[in-house]
Protein backbone atom coordinates (compact mmCIF):
# COMPACT_ATOMS: atom_id res chain seq x y z
CA MET A 1 26.06 -14.66 -36.01
CA HIS A 2 28.95 -15.75 -36.03
CA PHE A 3 30.21 -19.22 -37.34
CA ARG A 4 32.94 -21.10 -38.21
CA ILE A 5 32.77 -24.42 -40.70
CA GLU A 6 35.35 -27.28 -40.68
CA GLY A 7 35.67 -30.40 -42.31
CA ASP A 8 33.48 -32.75 -44.52
CA GLY A 9 31.14 -34.82 -44.60
CA PRO A 10 27.48 -35.59 -42.17
CA VAL A 11 27.29 -32.57 -39.93
CA ILE A 12 26.92 -31.65 -36.27
CA VAL A 13 26.43 -28.67 -35.32
CA PHE A 14 28.09 -26.79 -31.93
CA LEU A 15 26.48 -25.06 -29.23
CA HIS A 16 28.86 -23.77 -26.58
CA GLY A 17 27.76 -23.08 -22.64
CA PHE A 18 27.04 -19.82 -20.91
CA MET A 19 29.51 -17.36 -20.79
CA GLU A 20 31.59 -19.46 -23.32
CA SER A 21 31.93 -19.08 -27.06
CA SER A 22 32.95 -21.52 -29.81
CA SER A 23 36.60 -21.10 -28.82
CA MET A 24 35.44 -23.47 -26.60
CA TRP A 25 35.39 -27.25 -29.01
CA ASN A 26 39.27 -26.18 -29.38
CA TYR A 27 39.70 -28.19 -26.06
CA LEU A 28 38.89 -31.12 -28.60
CA PRO A 29 40.72 -32.76 -31.29
CA LEU A 30 37.25 -33.22 -33.38
CA GLU A 31 39.76 -32.87 -36.52
CA ASN A 32 39.76 -36.81 -35.74
CA LEU A 33 35.76 -36.76 -35.92
CA PRO A 34 34.94 -37.62 -39.89
CA PHE A 35 31.99 -35.10 -40.17
CA ARG A 36 31.67 -31.68 -41.50
CA LYS A 37 31.34 -29.62 -38.06
CA ILE A 38 29.87 -26.00 -37.52
CA PHE A 39 30.44 -24.31 -34.88
CA ILE A 40 28.08 -21.01 -33.90
CA ASP A 41 28.57 -18.34 -31.09
CA LEU A 42 25.37 -17.80 -29.46
CA PRO A 43 23.91 -13.92 -29.24
CA GLY A 44 25.50 -12.00 -27.45
CA HIS A 45 28.77 -14.58 -26.94
CA GLY A 46 31.61 -14.51 -28.64
CA LYS A 47 31.66 -12.58 -32.07
CA SER A 48 28.22 -12.58 -31.69
CA ILE A 49 26.16 -9.88 -31.00
CA LEU A 50 22.74 -9.52 -28.85
CA ASN A 51 20.08 -7.89 -30.22
CA PRO A 52 16.82 -9.63 -29.03
CA VAL A 53 13.63 -8.61 -30.83
CA ASN A 54 11.90 -7.81 -27.71
CA ASP A 55 12.77 -7.49 -23.77
CA LYS A 56 11.41 -10.87 -22.29
CA PRO A 57 15.20 -12.75 -22.09
CA SER A 58 13.61 -16.49 -24.04
CA LEU A 59 16.65 -19.26 -25.28
CA ASP A 60 13.82 -19.21 -28.37
CA TYR A 61 15.65 -16.03 -29.65
CA PHE A 62 18.99 -18.34 -29.23
CA LEU A 63 17.02 -21.04 -31.16
CA THR A 64 15.99 -17.95 -33.92
CA GLU A 65 19.14 -17.35 -34.35
CA VAL A 66 20.68 -20.53 -34.92
CA ILE A 67 18.41 -22.03 -37.42
CA ALA A 68 18.85 -18.86 -39.43
CA VAL A 69 22.38 -20.01 -39.71
CA LEU A 70 21.82 -23.53 -40.63
CA THR A 71 18.83 -21.83 -43.38
CA ALA A 72 21.12 -19.88 -44.81
CA LEU A 73 23.32 -22.34 -45.51
CA ASP A 74 21.16 -24.96 -46.32
CA ILE A 75 21.83 -28.11 -44.04
CA LYS A 76 19.14 -30.54 -44.68
CA GLN A 77 20.42 -33.19 -41.78
CA PHE A 78 22.29 -32.71 -39.28
CA HIS A 79 23.50 -33.66 -35.55
CA THR A 80 23.56 -31.27 -32.24
CA ILE A 81 26.08 -31.03 -29.35
CA GLY A 82 25.25 -28.90 -26.36
CA HIS A 83 27.27 -28.16 -23.58
CA SER A 84 25.11 -27.24 -20.18
CA MET A 85 23.25 -23.94 -22.22
CA GLY A 86 24.10 -25.24 -25.68
CA GLY A 87 22.31 -28.80 -24.33
CA TYR A 88 18.93 -26.11 -23.54
CA VAL A 89 19.29 -24.42 -27.63
CA ALA A 90 20.24 -27.79 -28.35
CA LEU A 91 17.03 -29.49 -27.19
CA LEU A 92 14.65 -27.03 -29.21
CA LEU A 93 16.52 -27.25 -31.80
CA LYS A 94 15.77 -31.31 -32.15
CA GLU A 95 12.03 -30.16 -31.47
CA GLU A 96 11.49 -27.58 -34.22
CA LEU A 97 13.20 -29.10 -36.87
CA ASN A 98 13.24 -33.18 -37.87
CA ALA A 99 16.23 -32.64 -39.62
CA CYS A 100 17.72 -32.17 -36.19
CA GLU A 101 19.19 -36.21 -35.57
CA LYS A 102 20.91 -37.48 -32.47
CA VAL A 103 21.39 -34.88 -29.61
CA VAL A 104 24.25 -34.78 -27.49
CA LEU A 105 24.09 -33.03 -23.88
CA LEU A 106 27.36 -32.28 -22.58
CA ASN A 107 27.34 -31.79 -18.75
CA SER A 108 24.27 -30.71 -19.43
CA ASN A 109 20.06 -31.41 -18.46
CA PHE A 110 17.00 -31.69 -19.77
CA TRP A 111 14.62 -30.82 -17.19
CA ALA A 112 13.15 -27.19 -15.92
CA ASP A 113 15.13 -25.02 -13.54
CA ASN A 114 13.27 -25.49 -9.86
CA GLU A 115 12.70 -22.54 -8.03
CA GLN A 116 15.88 -22.29 -5.84
CA LYS A 117 17.68 -22.42 -9.33
CA LYS A 118 15.35 -19.64 -10.71
CA LYS A 119 15.73 -17.55 -8.28
CA ASP A 120 19.56 -17.74 -8.21
CA ARG A 121 19.33 -17.04 -12.49
CA ILE A 122 17.93 -13.70 -11.09
CA ARG A 123 20.29 -12.96 -8.68
CA MET A 124 23.15 -14.05 -11.39
CA ALA A 125 21.59 -11.17 -14.00
CA ASP A 126 21.54 -8.92 -11.17
CA ILE A 127 25.07 -9.00 -10.11
CA ALA A 128 26.26 -9.34 -13.54
CA PHE A 129 25.16 -5.38 -13.98
CA LYS A 130 26.14 -4.86 -10.39
CA SER A 131 29.86 -6.36 -10.33
CA LYS A 132 30.39 -7.99 -13.38
CA ARG A 133 33.98 -9.33 -12.52
CA VAL A 134 33.19 -10.57 -8.81
CA LEU A 135 30.45 -13.07 -10.84
CA ILE A 136 33.17 -14.17 -13.62
CA ASN A 137 35.47 -14.51 -10.82
CA GLU A 138 33.73 -16.84 -8.60
CA ALA A 139 31.42 -18.54 -10.91
CA ILE A 140 34.11 -20.14 -13.56
CA PRO A 141 36.93 -21.69 -11.36
CA ASN A 142 33.55 -23.45 -9.82
CA LEU A 143 32.81 -24.91 -13.34
CA PHE A 144 35.99 -27.51 -12.36
CA GLY A 145 35.95 -30.80 -9.83
CA GLU A 146 39.97 -29.54 -9.10
CA PRO A 147 40.24 -25.93 -10.23
CA ASN A 148 44.08 -25.96 -8.97
CA LYS A 149 44.66 -28.22 -11.77
CA PHE A 150 43.94 -25.72 -14.67
CA PRO A 151 44.91 -22.06 -13.15
CA LEU A 152 45.59 -21.03 -17.35
CA GLU A 153 42.34 -22.51 -19.07
CA ILE A 154 40.33 -20.77 -15.60
CA GLU A 155 41.95 -17.40 -16.55
CA GLN A 156 41.48 -17.38 -19.98
CA LEU A 157 37.88 -18.56 -19.74
CA LYS A 158 37.82 -15.55 -17.21
CA SER A 159 39.21 -12.89 -20.03
CA GLU A 160 36.79 -13.67 -22.98
CA ALA A 161 33.92 -13.33 -20.39
CA LEU A 162 35.06 -10.64 -19.65
CA HIS A 163 34.52 -8.95 -22.91
CA MET A 164 31.11 -10.23 -22.67
CA SER A 165 28.24 -7.24 -21.62
CA SER A 166 26.43 -6.81 -18.62
CA GLU A 167 23.53 -7.24 -20.69
CA SER A 168 24.25 -10.74 -22.46
CA ILE A 169 25.33 -12.18 -19.62
CA ALA A 170 21.92 -11.35 -17.94
CA TYR A 171 19.93 -11.49 -20.82
CA ALA A 172 21.19 -15.60 -20.93
CA SER A 173 20.86 -16.33 -17.91
CA LEU A 174 17.60 -15.69 -17.19
CA ALA A 175 16.58 -16.99 -20.52
CA MET A 176 17.64 -19.89 -19.09
CA ARG A 177 15.11 -19.42 -16.42
CA GLU A 178 12.36 -20.16 -18.34
CA ARG A 179 13.72 -23.27 -20.64
CA LYS A 180 11.08 -25.63 -20.99
CA ASP A 181 11.61 -29.21 -19.46
CA PHE A 182 12.08 -32.39 -22.25
CA SER A 183 11.56 -35.03 -19.89
CA GLU A 184 8.71 -36.25 -21.55
CA LYS A 185 9.72 -36.22 -24.77
CA ILE A 186 13.52 -37.92 -23.66
CA ARG A 187 11.12 -40.35 -21.45
CA LEU A 188 9.37 -40.96 -25.28
CA ASN A 189 12.52 -41.13 -27.61
CA PRO A 190 15.17 -42.00 -25.23
CA THR A 191 17.32 -43.33 -28.20
CA ASP A 192 17.66 -39.66 -30.09
CA TYR A 193 19.11 -38.53 -26.83
CA PHE A 194 23.13 -38.94 -25.64
CA ILE A 195 24.53 -37.01 -22.33
CA ILE A 196 28.07 -37.00 -21.04
CA HIS A 197 28.21 -35.86 -17.65
CA GLY A 198 31.65 -35.51 -15.28
CA VAL A 199 30.54 -37.31 -12.01
CA GLN A 200 32.68 -33.30 -10.26
CA ASP A 201 29.84 -31.86 -12.00
CA ARG A 202 28.24 -29.11 -9.46
CA LEU A 203 25.26 -27.91 -11.33
CA VAL A 204 24.21 -31.39 -11.40
CA GLN A 205 24.86 -33.83 -9.34
CA LYS A 206 25.43 -37.70 -11.05
CA GLU A 207 22.64 -39.11 -8.86
CA GLU A 208 19.76 -36.74 -9.39
CA ILE A 209 20.55 -37.22 -13.81
CA LYS A 210 20.98 -40.97 -13.41
CA ASN A 211 17.85 -41.43 -12.13
CA LYS A 212 16.06 -38.60 -14.13
CA THR A 213 17.77 -40.39 -17.87
CA PRO A 214 15.84 -42.73 -18.77
CA ASN A 215 18.12 -44.81 -20.90
CA SER A 216 21.17 -45.63 -18.75
CA LYS A 217 22.83 -46.92 -22.19
CA ASN A 218 22.71 -43.91 -23.61
CA LEU A 219 24.09 -42.03 -20.14
CA MET A 220 28.19 -41.65 -19.87
CA ILE A 221 29.57 -40.93 -17.27
CA ILE A 222 33.54 -39.37 -16.80
CA GLU A 223 34.86 -40.23 -13.52
CA ASN A 224 37.78 -37.64 -13.09
CA ALA A 225 35.32 -33.93 -14.58
CA GLY A 226 33.10 -31.86 -13.21
CA HIS A 227 31.03 -29.36 -15.22
CA MET A 228 33.97 -28.41 -17.98
CA ALA A 229 34.63 -32.34 -19.08
CA HIS A 230 36.05 -31.19 -22.41
CA ILE A 231 38.82 -29.57 -20.66
CA GLU A 232 39.54 -31.35 -17.52
CA SER A 233 38.73 -35.10 -19.74
CA PRO A 234 38.95 -34.40 -23.56
CA GLU A 235 40.05 -37.71 -24.42
CA MET A 236 37.51 -39.68 -22.56
CA VAL A 237 35.15 -36.51 -23.98
CA MET A 238 36.25 -37.78 -27.51
CA SER A 239 36.05 -41.26 -27.12
CA HIS A 240 32.25 -41.27 -25.91
CA LEU A 241 31.45 -39.17 -29.28
CA ARG A 242 33.45 -41.86 -31.54
CA LYS A 243 31.14 -44.09 -29.79
CA ILE A 244 27.99 -42.06 -30.80
CA PHE A 245 28.86 -41.21 -34.34
CA CYS A 246 31.54 -43.41 -35.86
């Protein structure tokens, strides 16, 4: 597993999203957060290889690899920020380790896929093998509320995603399909979880996440952003992170 560490102080673990890498966090001026920051490339993404122990795709494999990094670094207490798929792994990390304190879901959610979404995950895995470039060209611009404003960023994201293997893309898609529902855990412990969400996020509608989030004080809505709030509105993301951690 590839990772890098920046800064000093209490620890925050950063987990990127699907078809991204730890480089996504470069869009945020995180040097302004007085924390020791650990940026991890999840398996099959960035510089981390995909080498699961069995053939059944599961986010538990990602979880095991993240825990191995934290164990090697002898991390005793930490917070976690996860973007999209990284948020799903962050929820598992919180469940598995008492050392995990606050969890921030950036353009992510905490419930299981519905049946239509599960079918979409299978379709995406299938397209990853048949035409990876078509999948990437269609999927990435759709993550932005107004993609015409971010042509350079979109091309950079496409280029990075194209370096991923079809196997890695398919594995991650199918692993997300089987993820757990954390609605009850968040209902019982609402103050441990924070959600930063873009109004223009096409993957999760604002009304849905508002209706399902038990602690409205910990739901932070960004008006001029879609699923890539860290690129579309980095100043607002940083403002919310400072409120949560500082």
